[in-house]
Amino acid sequence: MSLIAQVAELAEVPQDKFVDPVITARGERRASVALRNLETLWFNTGTVCNLACSHCYIESSPENDDLIYLQTAEVERFLDELDQLNKDPVEIGFTGGEPFMNPSFPKMLEACLNRGHRVLVLTNAMRPMMKQSGDLLALHRKWPGQLVLRISLDHYSPTLHDQERGDFAWQKTMPGVTWLIEHGFSLQIAGRTCWPEAENQIRDGFAGLFDDLDLTLDAHNPGHLVLFPEMDEGRDVPEITEACWGILDVSPDNMMCATSRMIVHRKGESDAKVVACTLLPYDPQFELGTTLDSAKDPVRLNHPFCSEFCVLGGASCSA
């Protein structure tokens, strides 16, 4: 049976899905993912962003501070915990909002790099980044190759990129992208697969863009060009049961929550919290405590994003 047919069969269930954390609407045991090893620790620097994109899963905008600015002391607290849990450096990821909107962000980067961790930053490379370009360049020169910036370019054409990000977004992004290339930063590009093109066509289009920019990335390498599936919490998607691992020939060990956790600080709460992944910062059922040691419990896949982004979409935010 084809994957499409399998998914269609799985979708033939009642509409009261993603309710019970243990049992699906069809009465089967819901799949869960155990933390195999903490390989990536994400920090959400805050949901404030200079943009208000059309389909932002976290609803970032200039006004959204549902996740308040993370403080350097909070980052350092969790880095101290990492030192107790891991002998070797891990990947540290920063996302938002736009991380460079956080005035403390350079200090956070320095704290991570100084401890030997690899750092991945998700950014739109616009004016907020350029306002901190002096600090960013100093960190790049002190720890060459240890810092990677993943630039959000939703499509290889300015028109479709702006359709998602807003008028003149491409024009505002390109100076920052050019500056990063000129100064030899390690880069990745993040695009989307929501367009009416096959994946190979999208990658071919980005390959042409990379040539134009003199950007030495391979558009057909998923580690260089990350293409994310679209997420829609209201879309009717199948629930993932324990049997699905075998049906779909997918391993739970390959899910993002098998190797990563994210730190958030919600507005009105006294402490930063650990959540299961980058996609679900608000849902209380994916909150795992206030310490990394308390966040080792398996994650039950009780959300549409678990299905459409991770299991069926095969995507991950990590490098």
C-alpha atoms as a PDB file:
ATOM      1  CA  MET A   1       0.000   0.000   0.000  1.00  0.00           C
ATOM      2  CA  SER A   2       1.332   3.451  -0.891  1.00  0.00           C
ATOM      3  CA  LEU A   3       2.068   6.016   1.817  1.00  0.00           C
ATOM      4  CA  ILE A   4      -0.790   8.181   0.500  1.00  0.00           C
ATOM      5  CA  ALA A   5      -3.208   5.262   0.780  1.00  0.00           C
ATOM      6  CA  GLN A   6      -1.959   4.459   4.273  1.00  0.00           C
ATOM      7  CA  VAL A   7      -2.483   8.054   5.398  1.00  0.00           C
ATOM      8  CA  ALA A   8      -5.940   8.145   3.821  1.00  0.00           C
ATOM      9  CA  GLU A   9      -6.874   4.961   5.692  1.00  0.00           C
ATOM     10  CA  LEU A  10      -5.565   6.377   8.953  1.00  0.00           C
ATOM     11  CA  ALA A  11      -7.563   9.568   8.410  1.00  0.00           C
ATOM     12  CA  GLU A  12     -10.912   7.699   8.381  1.00  0.00           C
ATOM     13  CA  VAL A  13     -11.613   8.375  12.050  1.00  0.00           C
ATOM     14  CA  PRO A  14     -14.038  10.593  13.972  1.00  0.00           C
ATOM     15  CA  GLN A  15     -13.343  14.311  14.155  1.00  0.00           C
ATOM     16  CA  ASP A  16     -12.806  14.391  17.941  1.00  0.00           C
ATOM     17  CA  LYS A  17      -9.101  13.761  17.491  1.00  0.00           C
ATOM     18  CA  PHE A  18      -6.156  14.779  19.663  1.00  0.00           C
ATOM     19  CA  VAL A  19      -8.223  14.844  22.857  1.00  0.00           C
ATOM     20  CA  ASP A  20      -7.120  11.951  25.065  1.00  0.00           C
ATOM     21  CA  PRO A  21      -3.329  11.886  25.558  1.00  0.00           C
ATOM     22  CA  VAL A  22      -3.257   8.072  25.734  1.00  0.00           C
ATOM     23  CA  ILE A  23      -6.041   6.823  23.425  1.00  0.00           C
ATOM     24  CA  THR A  24      -6.884   8.092  19.933  1.00  0.00           C
ATOM     25  CA  ALA A  25     -10.392   8.861  18.708  1.00  0.00           C
ATOM     26  CA  ARG A  26     -10.361   5.449  17.078  1.00  0.00           C
ATOM     27  CA  GLY A  27      -9.679   3.765  20.417  1.00  0.00           C
ATOM     28  CA  GLU A  28      -6.058   2.805  19.719  1.00  0.00           C
ATOM     29  CA  ARG A  29      -3.024   3.543  21.853  1.00  0.00           C
ATOM     30  CA  ARG A  30      -1.465   6.835  20.920  1.00  0.00           C
ATOM     31  CA  ALA A  31       2.192   6.842  19.884  1.00  0.00           C
ATOM     32  CA  SER A  32       4.752   8.390  22.177  1.00  0.00           C
ATOM     33  CA  VAL A  33       8.424   9.253  21.791  1.00  0.00           C
ATOM     34  CA  ALA A  34      11.063   8.650  24.445  1.00  0.00           C
ATOM     35  CA  LEU A  35      13.963  11.021  24.907  1.00  0.00           C
ATOM     36  CA  ARG A  36      16.805   8.964  23.449  1.00  0.00           C
ATOM     37  CA  ASN A  37      19.519  11.565  24.043  1.00  0.00           C
ATOM     38  CA  LEU A  38      19.487  15.339  24.448  1.00  0.00           C
ATOM     39  CA  GLU A  39      21.364  16.446  21.346  1.00  0.00           C
ATOM     40  CA  THR A  40      19.750  19.846  20.746  1.00  0.00           C
ATOM     41  CA  LEU A  41      18.619  22.361  23.337  1.00  0.00           C
ATOM     42  CA  TRP A  42      16.470  25.152  21.915  1.00  0.00           C
ATOM     43  CA  PHE A  43      15.906  28.552  23.463  1.00  0.00           C
ATOM     44  CA  ASN A  44      12.969  30.687  22.360  1.00  0.00           C
ATOM     45  CA  THR A  45      14.245  34.223  22.830  1.00  0.00           C
ATOM     46  CA  GLY A  46      10.682  35.647  22.766  1.00  0.00           C
ATOM     47  CA  THR A  47       7.803  35.849  20.306  1.00  0.00           C
ATOM     48  CA  VAL A  48       8.351  39.507  19.423  1.00  0.00           C
ATOM     49  CA  CYS A  49       9.334  39.787  15.749  1.00  0.00           C
ATOM     50  CA  ASN A  50       9.816  42.612  13.287  1.00  0.00           C
ATOM     51  CA  LEU A  51       7.468  40.757  10.905  1.00  0.00           C
ATOM     52  CA  ALA A  52       3.948  39.334  11.098  1.00  0.00           C
ATOM     53  CA  CYS A  53       4.084  36.508   8.550  1.00  0.00           C
ATOM     54  CA  SER A  54       0.913  35.085   7.039  1.00  0.00           C
ATOM     55  CA  HIS A  55       1.336  31.542   8.349  1.00  0.00           C
ATOM     56  CA  CYS A  56       3.563  31.838  11.406  1.00  0.00           C
ATOM     57  CA  TYR A  57       2.820  28.768  13.550  1.00  0.00           C
ATOM     58  CA  ILE A  58       3.805  30.664  16.699  1.00  0.00           C
ATOM     59  CA  GLU A  59       1.999  33.901  15.658  1.00  0.00           C
ATOM     60  CA  SER A  60       5.089  36.062  16.120  1.00  0.00           C
ATOM     61  CA  SER A  61       4.647  39.769  15.445  1.00  0.00           C
ATOM     62  CA  PRO A  62       5.843  43.169  16.712  1.00  0.00           C
ATOM     63  CA  GLU A  63       3.028  43.039  19.317  1.00  0.00           C
ATOM     64  CA  ASN A  64       3.095  39.388  20.437  1.00  0.00           C
ATOM     65  CA  ASP A  65       4.972  38.988  23.713  1.00  0.00           C
ATOM     66  CA  ASP A  66       3.202  35.826  24.860  1.00  0.00           C
ATOM     67  CA  LEU A  67       6.719  34.444  25.224  1.00  0.00           C
ATOM     68  CA  ILE A  68       8.670  37.231  26.886  1.00  0.00           C
ATOM     69  CA  TYR A  69      12.294  38.040  26.177  1.00  0.00           C
ATOM     70  CA  LEU A  70      14.512  35.341  27.624  1.00  0.00           C
ATOM     71  CA  GLN A  71      17.292  36.641  29.864  1.00  0.00           C
ATOM     72  CA  THR A  72      20.961  35.677  29.697  1.00  0.00           C
ATOM     73  CA  ALA A  73      20.855  34.395  33.283  1.00  0.00           C
ATOM     74  CA  GLU A  74      18.099  31.964  32.299  1.00  0.00           C
ATOM     75  CA  VAL A  75      20.155  30.650  29.389  1.00  0.00           C
ATOM     76  CA  GLU A  76      23.164  30.234  31.665  1.00  0.00           C
ATOM     77  CA  ARG A  77      21.083  28.322  34.214  1.00  0.00           C
ATOM     78  CA  PHE A  78      20.192  25.720  31.633  1.00  0.00           C
ATOM     79  CA  LEU A  79      23.745  25.639  30.308  1.00  0.00           C
ATOM     80  CA  ASP A  80      24.849  24.817  33.846  1.00  0.00           C
ATOM     81  CA  GLU A  81      22.345  21.951  33.848  1.00  0.00           C
ATOM     82  CA  LEU A  82      23.714  20.736  30.533  1.00  0.00           C
ATOM     83  CA  ASP A  83      27.182  20.623  32.062  1.00  0.00           C
ATOM     84  CA  GLN A  84      25.803  18.252  34.695  1.00  0.00           C
ATOM     85  CA  LEU A  85      23.943  16.042  32.199  1.00  0.00           C
ATOM     86  CA  ASN A  86      26.350  15.863  29.261  1.00  0.00           C
ATOM     87  CA  LYS A  87      30.076  15.381  29.003  1.00  0.00           C
ATOM     88  CA  ASP A  88      30.252  16.665  25.445  1.00  0.00           C
ATOM     89  CA  PRO A  89      28.994  19.883  23.814  1.00  0.00           C
ATOM     90  CA  VAL A  90      25.579  19.759  22.123  1.00  0.00           C
ATOM     91  CA  GLU A  91      23.790  21.848  19.538  1.00  0.00           C
ATOM     92  CA  ILE A  92      22.142  24.971  20.940  1.00  0.00           C
ATOM     93  CA  GLY A  93      19.350  26.400  18.808  1.00  0.00           C
ATOM     94  CA  PHE A  94      17.851  29.879  19.063  1.00  0.00           C
ATOM     95  CA  THR A  95      14.480  30.751  17.614  1.00  0.00           C
ATOM     96  CA  GLY A  96      11.735  33.305  18.186  1.00  0.00           C
ATOM     97  CA  GLY A  97      10.108  35.551  17.108  1.00  0.00           C
ATOM     98  CA  GLU A  98      13.228  37.087  15.707  1.00  0.00           C
ATOM     99  CA  PRO A  99      16.130  36.311  18.083  1.00  0.00           C
ATOM    100  CA  PHE A 100      17.967  39.521  17.253  1.00  0.00           C
ATOM    101  CA  MET A 101      15.031  41.552  18.591  1.00  0.00           C
ATOM    102  CA  ASN A 102      16.143  40.456  22.060  1.00  0.00           C
ATOM    103  CA  PRO A 103      18.695  43.056  23.260  1.00  0.00           C
ATOM    104  CA  SER A 104      20.518  40.421  25.329  1.00  0.00           C
ATOM    105  CA  PHE A 105      20.962  38.022  22.430  1.00  0.00           C
ATOM    106  CA  PRO A 106      24.711  38.567  21.770  1.00  0.00           C
ATOM    107  CA  LYS A 107      25.448  37.745  25.420  1.00  0.00           C
ATOM    108  CA  MET A 108      23.427  34.524  25.111  1.00  0.00           C
ATOM    109  CA  LEU A 109      25.387  33.527  22.020  1.00  0.00           C
ATOM    110  CA  GLU A 110      28.675  34.261  23.760  1.00  0.00           C
ATOM    111  CA  ALA A 111      27.684  32.161  26.792  1.00  0.00           C
ATOM    112  CA  CYS A 112      26.936  29.150  24.574  1.00  0.00           C
ATOM    113  CA  LEU A 113      29.960  29.487  22.321  1.00  0.00           C
ATOM    114  CA  ASN A 114      32.295  29.982  25.268  1.00  0.00           C
ATOM    115  CA  ARG A 115      31.276  26.572  26.611  1.00  0.00           C
ATOM    116  CA  GLY A 116      32.072  24.877  23.303  1.00  0.00           C
ATOM    117  CA  HIS A 117      28.521  24.297  22.101  1.00  0.00           C
ATOM    118  CA  ARG A 118      27.592  24.452  18.425  1.00  0.00           C
ATOM    119  CA  VAL A 119      25.045  27.223  17.911  1.00  0.00           C
ATOM    120  CA  LEU A 120      22.262  27.450  15.331  1.00  0.00           C
ATOM    121  CA  VAL A 121      20.316  30.711  14.963  1.00  0.00           C
ATOM    122  CA  LEU A 122      17.045  31.006  13.036  1.00  0.00           C
ATOM    123  CA  THR A 123      16.734  34.544  11.671  1.00  0.00           C
ATOM    124  CA  ASN A 124      15.254  36.628   8.867  1.00  0.00           C
ATOM    125  CA  ALA A 125      18.589  38.511   8.547  1.00  0.00           C
ATOM    126  CA  MET A 126      16.865  41.885   8.511  1.00  0.00           C
ATOM    127  CA  ARG A 127      17.524  45.134  10.351  1.00  0.00           C
ATOM    128  CA  PRO A 128      17.430  43.638  13.910  1.00  0.00           C
ATOM    129  CA  MET A 129      20.361  41.396  12.971  1.00  0.00           C
ATOM    130  CA  MET A 130      22.267  44.217  11.342  1.00  0.00           C
ATOM    131  CA  LYS A 131      21.815  46.410  14.429  1.00  0.00           C
ATOM    132  CA  GLN A 132      23.796  43.761  16.324  1.00  0.00           C
ATOM    133  CA  SER A 133      26.172  43.014  13.450  1.00  0.00           C
ATOM    134  CA  GLY A 134      29.251  44.273  15.319  1.00  0.00           C
ATOM    135  CA  ASP A 135      28.738  41.834  18.173  1.00  0.00           C
ATOM    136  CA  LEU A 136      27.805  39.071  15.734  1.00  0.00           C
ATOM    137  CA  LEU A 137      30.937  39.534  13.650  1.00  0.00           C
ATOM    138  CA  ALA A 138      33.132  39.515  16.769  1.00  0.00           C
ATOM    139  CA  LEU A 139      31.608  36.200  17.873  1.00  0.00           C
ATOM    140  CA  HIS A 140      32.057  34.726  14.396  1.00  0.00           C
ATOM    141  CA  ARG A 141      35.726  35.699  14.339  1.00  0.00           C
ATOM    142  CA  LYS A 142      36.386  34.388  17.845  1.00  0.00           C
ATOM    143  CA  TRP A 143      34.611  31.051  17.235  1.00  0.00           C
ATOM    144  CA  PRO A 144      34.848  30.470  13.463  1.00  0.00           C
ATOM    145  CA  GLY A 145      32.595  27.709  12.169  1.00  0.00           C
ATOM    146  CA  GLN A 146      30.952  27.127  15.548  1.00  0.00           C
ATOM    147  CA  LEU A 147      28.050  29.481  14.802  1.00  0.00           C
ATOM    148  CA  VAL A 148      25.527  28.754  12.021  1.00  0.00           C
ATOM    149  CA  LEU A 149      22.769  31.099  10.893  1.00  0.00           C
ATOM    150  CA  ARG A 150      19.719  29.657   9.175  1.00  0.00           C
ATOM    151  CA  ILE A 151      18.093  32.333   7.001  1.00  0.00           C
ATOM    152  CA  SER A 152      14.361  32.157   6.314  1.00  0.00           C
ATOM    153  CA  LEU A 153      13.700  32.467   2.581  1.00  0.00           C
ATOM    154  CA  ASP A 154      10.263  31.011   1.995  1.00  0.00           C
ATOM    155  CA  HIS A 155      10.767  30.812  -1.776  1.00  0.00           C
ATOM    156  CA  TYR A 156      13.582  31.494  -4.210  1.00  0.00           C
ATOM    157  CA  SER A 157      11.577  34.254  -5.890  1.00  0.00           C
ATOM    158  CA  PRO A 158      11.002  37.669  -4.278  1.00  0.00           C
ATOM    159  CA  THR A 159       7.303  37.653  -5.182  1.00  0.00           C
ATOM    160  CA  LEU A 160       6.391  34.443  -3.372  1.00  0.00           C
ATOM    161  CA  HIS A 161       8.705  35.182  -0.461  1.00  0.00           C
ATOM    162  CA  ASP A 162       6.945  38.535   0.004  1.00  0.00           C
ATOM    163  CA  GLN A 163       3.560  36.826  -0.281  1.00  0.00           C
ATOM    164  CA  GLU A 164       4.339  35.117   3.025  1.00  0.00           C
ATOM    165  CA  ARG A 165       6.530  37.712   4.739  1.00  0.00           C
ATOM    166  CA  GLY A 166       4.972  40.985   3.596  1.00  0.00           C
ATOM    167  CA  ASP A 167       5.713  43.705   1.043  1.00  0.00           C
ATOM    168  CA  PHE A 168       9.400  44.413   0.438  1.00  0.00           C
ATOM    169  CA  ALA A 169      10.487  41.617   2.789  1.00  0.00           C
ATOM    170  CA  TRP A 170      12.914  40.230   0.190  1.00  0.00           C
ATOM    171  CA  GLN A 171      14.391  43.674  -0.346  1.00  0.00           C
ATOM    172  CA  LYS A 172      14.913  44.056   3.398  1.00  0.00           C
ATOM    173  CA  THR A 173      16.464  40.597   3.816  1.00  0.00           C
ATOM    174  CA  MET A 174      18.988  40.587   0.981  1.00  0.00           C
ATOM    175  CA  PRO A 175      21.430  43.185   2.415  1.00  0.00           C
ATOM    176  CA  GLY A 176      21.797  41.060   5.558  1.00  0.00           C
ATOM    177  CA  VAL A 177      22.222  37.872   3.539  1.00  0.00           C
ATOM    178  CA  THR A 178      24.875  39.546   1.391  1.00  0.00           C
ATOM    179  CA  TRP A 179      26.689  40.844   4.481  1.00  0.00           C
ATOM    180  CA  LEU A 180      26.776  37.359   6.023  1.00  0.00           C
ATOM    181  CA  ILE A 181      28.150  35.846   2.813  1.00  0.00           C
ATOM    182  CA  GLU A 182      30.803  38.548   2.446  1.00  0.00           C
ATOM    183  CA  HIS A 183      32.038  37.917   5.998  1.00  0.00           C
ATOM    184  CA  GLY A 184      32.192  34.150   5.609  1.00  0.00           C
ATOM    185  CA  PHE A 185      29.515  33.077   8.076  1.00  0.00           C
ATOM    186  CA  SER A 186      28.362  29.457   8.059  1.00  0.00           C
ATOM    187  CA  LEU A 187      24.845  29.562   6.640  1.00  0.00           C
ATOM    188  CA  GLN A 188      21.808  27.436   5.957  1.00  0.00           C
ATOM    189  CA  ILE A 189      18.623  28.454   4.177  1.00  0.00           C
ATOM    190  CA  ALA A 190      15.103  27.516   5.276  1.00  0.00           C
ATOM    191  CA  GLY A 191      12.325  27.432   2.687  1.00  0.00           C
ATOM    192  CA  ARG A 192       8.825  25.981   2.443  1.00  0.00           C
ATOM    193  CA  THR A 193       7.112  23.291   0.418  1.00  0.00           C
ATOM    194  CA  CYS A 194       3.661  24.922   0.315  1.00  0.00           C
ATOM    195  CA  TRP A 195       4.095  26.126  -3.276  1.00  0.00           C
ATOM    196  CA  PRO A 196       2.604  24.355  -6.343  1.00  0.00           C
ATOM    197  CA  GLU A 197       5.980  22.852  -7.247  1.00  0.00           C
ATOM    198  CA  ALA A 198       7.630  19.511  -6.642  1.00  0.00           C
ATOM    199  CA  GLU A 199      10.462  19.505  -4.124  1.00  0.00           C
ATOM    200  CA  ASN A 200      13.107  19.003  -6.818  1.00  0.00           C
ATOM    201  CA  GLN A 201      11.783  22.075  -8.660  1.00  0.00           C
ATOM    202  CA  ILE A 202      12.009  24.148  -5.507  1.00  0.00           C
ATOM    203  CA  ARG A 203      15.566  22.954  -4.912  1.00  0.00           C
ATOM    204  CA  ASP A 204      16.504  23.702  -8.526  1.00  0.00           C
ATOM    205  CA  GLY A 205      15.139  27.217  -8.103  1.00  0.00           C
ATOM    206  CA  PHE A 206      17.154  27.775  -4.941  1.00  0.00           C
ATOM    207  CA  ALA A 207      20.242  26.403  -6.697  1.00  0.00           C
ATOM    208  CA  GLY A 208      19.944  29.209  -9.228  1.00  0.00           C
ATOM    209  CA  LEU A 209      19.552  31.743  -6.432  1.00  0.00           C
ATOM    210  CA  PHE A 210      22.615  30.402  -4.615  1.00  0.00           C
ATOM    211  CA  ASP A 211      24.639  30.784  -7.814  1.00  0.00           C
ATOM    212  CA  ASP A 212      23.444  34.385  -8.188  1.00  0.00           C
ATOM    213  CA  LEU A 213      24.423  35.137  -4.581  1.00  0.00           C
ATOM    214  CA  ASP A 214      27.759  33.320  -4.847  1.00  0.00           C
ATOM    215  CA  LEU A 215      26.586  31.255  -1.893  1.00  0.00           C
ATOM    216  CA  THR A 216      28.476  27.965  -1.651  1.00  0.00           C
ATOM    217  CA  LEU A 217      25.557  25.798  -0.535  1.00  0.00           C
ATOM    218  CA  ASP A 218      24.164  22.713  -2.235  1.00  0.00           C
ATOM    219  CA  ALA A 219      20.429  23.279  -2.701  1.00  0.00           C
ATOM    220  CA  HIS A 220      19.888  19.526  -3.034  1.00  0.00           C
ATOM    221  CA  ASN A 221      21.506  18.851   0.337  1.00  0.00           C
ATOM    222  CA  PRO A 222      18.791  18.916   3.064  1.00  0.00           C
ATOM    223  CA  GLY A 223      21.417  20.054   5.531  1.00  0.00           C
ATOM    224  CA  HIS A 224      22.089  23.171   3.453  1.00  0.00           C
ATOM    225  CA  LEU A 225      18.542  23.941   2.294  1.00  0.00           C
ATOM    226  CA  VAL A 226      15.876  22.907   4.793  1.00  0.00           C
ATOM    227  CA  LEU A 227      12.372  22.730   3.307  1.00  0.00           C
ATOM    228  CA  PHE A 228       9.600  22.740   5.892  1.00  0.00           C
ATOM    229  CA  PRO A 229       6.089  21.376   5.340  1.00  0.00           C
ATOM    230  CA  GLU A 230       3.230  23.756   6.036  1.00  0.00           C
ATOM    231  CA  MET A 231       1.509  23.479   9.408  1.00  0.00           C
ATOM    232  CA  ASP A 232      -2.178  24.157   9.988  1.00  0.00           C
ATOM    233  CA  GLU A 233      -3.559  23.289  13.420  1.00  0.00           C
ATOM    234  CA  GLY A 234      -7.085  23.212  11.989  1.00  0.00           C
ATOM    235  CA  ARG A 235      -6.320  20.754   9.201  1.00  0.00           C
ATOM    236  CA  ASP A 236      -7.811  17.264   9.457  1.00  0.00           C
ATOM    237  CA  VAL A 237      -4.784  15.005   9.841  1.00  0.00           C
ATOM    238  CA  PRO A 238      -4.507  11.418  11.088  1.00  0.00           C
ATOM    239  CA  GLU A 239      -3.564  10.631  14.658  1.00  0.00           C
ATOM    240  CA  ILE A 240      -0.393   8.622  15.136  1.00  0.00           C
ATOM    241  CA  THR A 241      -0.832   5.310  16.914  1.00  0.00           C
ATOM    242  CA  GLU A 242       1.754   2.859  18.187  1.00  0.00           C
ATOM    243  CA  ALA A 243       1.054   0.737  15.111  1.00  0.00           C
ATOM    244  CA  CYS A 244       1.905   3.622  12.782  1.00  0.00           C
ATOM    245  CA  TRP A 245       5.637   3.230  13.316  1.00  0.00           C
ATOM    246  CA  GLY A 246       5.508  -0.100  11.510  1.00  0.00           C
ATOM    247  CA  ILE A 247       2.823   0.881   9.004  1.00  0.00           C
ATOM    248  CA  LEU A 248       4.712   3.983   7.881  1.00  0.00           C
ATOM    249  CA  ASP A 249       8.194   2.479   8.380  1.00  0.00           C
ATOM    250  CA  VAL A 250       9.171   5.453  10.552  1.00  0.00           C
ATOM    251  CA  SER A 251      11.231   5.242  13.738  1.00  0.00           C
ATOM    252  CA  PRO A 252      10.315   7.202  16.865  1.00  0.00           C
ATOM    253  CA  ASP A 253      14.054   7.710  17.374  1.00  0.00           C
ATOM    254  CA  ASN A 254      14.020  10.029  14.340  1.00  0.00           C
ATOM    255  CA  MET A 255      11.415  12.381  15.786  1.00  0.00           C
ATOM    256  CA  MET A 256      12.546  15.799  16.989  1.00  0.00           C
ATOM    257  CA  CYS A 257      11.364  15.161  20.557  1.00  0.00           C
ATOM    258  CA  ALA A 258      13.627  12.087  20.766  1.00  0.00           C
ATOM    259  CA  THR A 259      16.694  14.329  20.810  1.00  0.00           C
ATOM    260  CA  SER A 260      15.637  17.884  21.678  1.00  0.00           C
ATOM    261  CA  ARG A 261      13.847  20.137  24.152  1.00  0.00           C
ATOM    262  CA  MET A 262      13.082  23.876  24.158  1.00  0.00           C
ATOM    263  CA  ILE A 263      13.170  26.558  26.851  1.00  0.00           C
ATOM    264  CA  VAL A 264      10.412  29.191  26.912  1.00  0.00           C
ATOM    265  CA  HIS A 265       9.336  31.898  29.327  1.00  0.00           C
ATOM    266  CA  ARG A 266       5.614  32.618  29.080  1.00  0.00           C
ATOM    267  CA  LYS A 267       4.273  36.027  29.995  1.00  0.00           C
ATOM    268  CA  GLY A 268       2.952  36.080  33.558  1.00  0.00           C
ATOM    269  CA  GLU A 269       4.964  33.082  34.731  1.00  0.00           C
ATOM    270  CA  SER A 270       7.809  33.411  37.213  1.00  0.00           C
ATOM    271  CA  ASP A 271      10.131  30.816  35.693  1.00  0.00           C
ATOM    272  CA  ALA A 272      11.256  29.608  32.308  1.00  0.00           C
ATOM    273  CA  LYS A 273       9.898  26.164  31.425  1.00  0.00           C
ATOM    274  CA  VAL A 274      11.073  23.192  29.384  1.00  0.00           C
ATOM    275  CA  VAL A 275       8.714  22.133  26.584  1.00  0.00           C
ATOM    276  CA  ALA A 276       8.816  19.139  24.278  1.00  0.00           C
ATOM    277  CA  CYS A 277       9.786  20.890  21.050  1.00  0.00           C
ATOM    278  CA  THR A 278       9.945  24.113  19.080  1.00  0.00           C
ATOM    279  CA  LEU A 279       6.460  23.687  17.595  1.00  0.00           C
ATOM    280  CA  LEU A 280       4.361  23.625  20.758  1.00  0.00           C
ATOM    281  CA  PRO A 281       5.407  26.391  23.166  1.00  0.00           C
ATOM    282  CA  TYR A 282       1.891  27.193  24.411  1.00  0.00           C
ATOM    283  CA  ASP A 283       0.168  23.821  24.860  1.00  0.00           C
ATOM    284  CA  PRO A 284       0.368  22.893  28.576  1.00  0.00           C
ATOM    285  CA  GLN A 285       0.337  19.145  27.878  1.00  0.00           C
ATOM    286  CA  PHE A 286       3.779  19.519  26.280  1.00  0.00           C
ATOM    287  CA  GLU A 287       5.258  21.325  29.284  1.00  0.00           C
ATOM    288  CA  LEU A 288       7.854  19.150  30.995  1.00  0.00           C
ATOM    289  CA  GLY A 289       8.938  21.101  34.070  1.00  0.00           C
ATOM    290  CA  THR A 290      11.453  23.774  35.016  1.00  0.00           C
ATOM    291  CA  THR A 291      14.651  21.726  34.720  1.00  0.00           C
ATOM    292  CA  LEU A 292      16.241  19.550  32.067  1.00  0.00           C
ATOM    293  CA  ASP A 293      16.372  16.679  34.523  1.00  0.00           C
ATOM    294  CA  SER A 294      12.584  16.848  34.919  1.00  0.00           C
ATOM    295  CA  ALA A 295      12.043  16.874  31.144  1.00  0.00           C
ATOM    296  CA  LYS A 296      13.005  13.273  30.390  1.00  0.00           C
ATOM    297  CA  ASP A 297       9.490  11.832  30.232  1.00  0.00           C
ATOM    298  CA  PRO A 298       8.229  10.426  26.897  1.00  0.00           C
ATOM    299  CA  VAL A 299       6.183  12.799  24.745  1.00  0.00           C
ATOM    300  CA  ARG A 300       2.736  11.634  23.646  1.00  0.00           C
ATOM    301  CA  LEU A 301       1.987  12.744  20.080  1.00  0.00           C
ATOM    302  CA  ASN A 302      -1.314  14.383  20.947  1.00  0.00           C
ATOM    303  CA  HIS A 303      -1.260  17.322  18.529  1.00  0.00           C
ATOM    304  CA  PRO A 304      -1.808  17.764  14.764  1.00  0.00           C
ATOM    305  CA  PHE A 305       1.702  19.203  14.390  1.00  0.00           C
ATOM    306  CA  CYS A 306       3.162  15.919  15.657  1.00  0.00           C
ATOM    307  CA  SER A 307       1.467  14.204  12.746  1.00  0.00           C
ATOM    308  CA  GLU A 308       1.785  16.602   9.818  1.00  0.00           C
ATOM    309  CA  PHE A 309       5.202  18.122  10.546  1.00  0.00           C
ATOM    310  CA  CYS A 310       7.206  15.380  12.251  1.00  0.00           C
ATOM    311  CA  VAL A 311       5.821  11.928  11.502  1.00  0.00           C
ATOM    312  CA  LEU A 312       4.230  12.404   8.060  1.00  0.00           C
ATOM    313  CA  GLY A 313       6.217  15.515   7.093  1.00  0.00           C
ATOM    314  CA  GLY A 314       9.538  13.996   8.139  1.00  0.00           C
ATOM    315  CA  ALA A 315      10.775  17.416   9.246  1.00  0.00           C
ATOM    316  CA  SER A 316      12.981  18.606  12.095  1.00  0.00           C
ATOM    317  CA  CYS A 317      14.093  22.052  13.197  1.00  0.00           C
ATOM    318  CA  SER A 318      17.534  20.827  14.231  1.00  0.00           C
ATOM    319  CA  ALA A 319      20.559  20.915  11.949  1.00  0.00           C
END
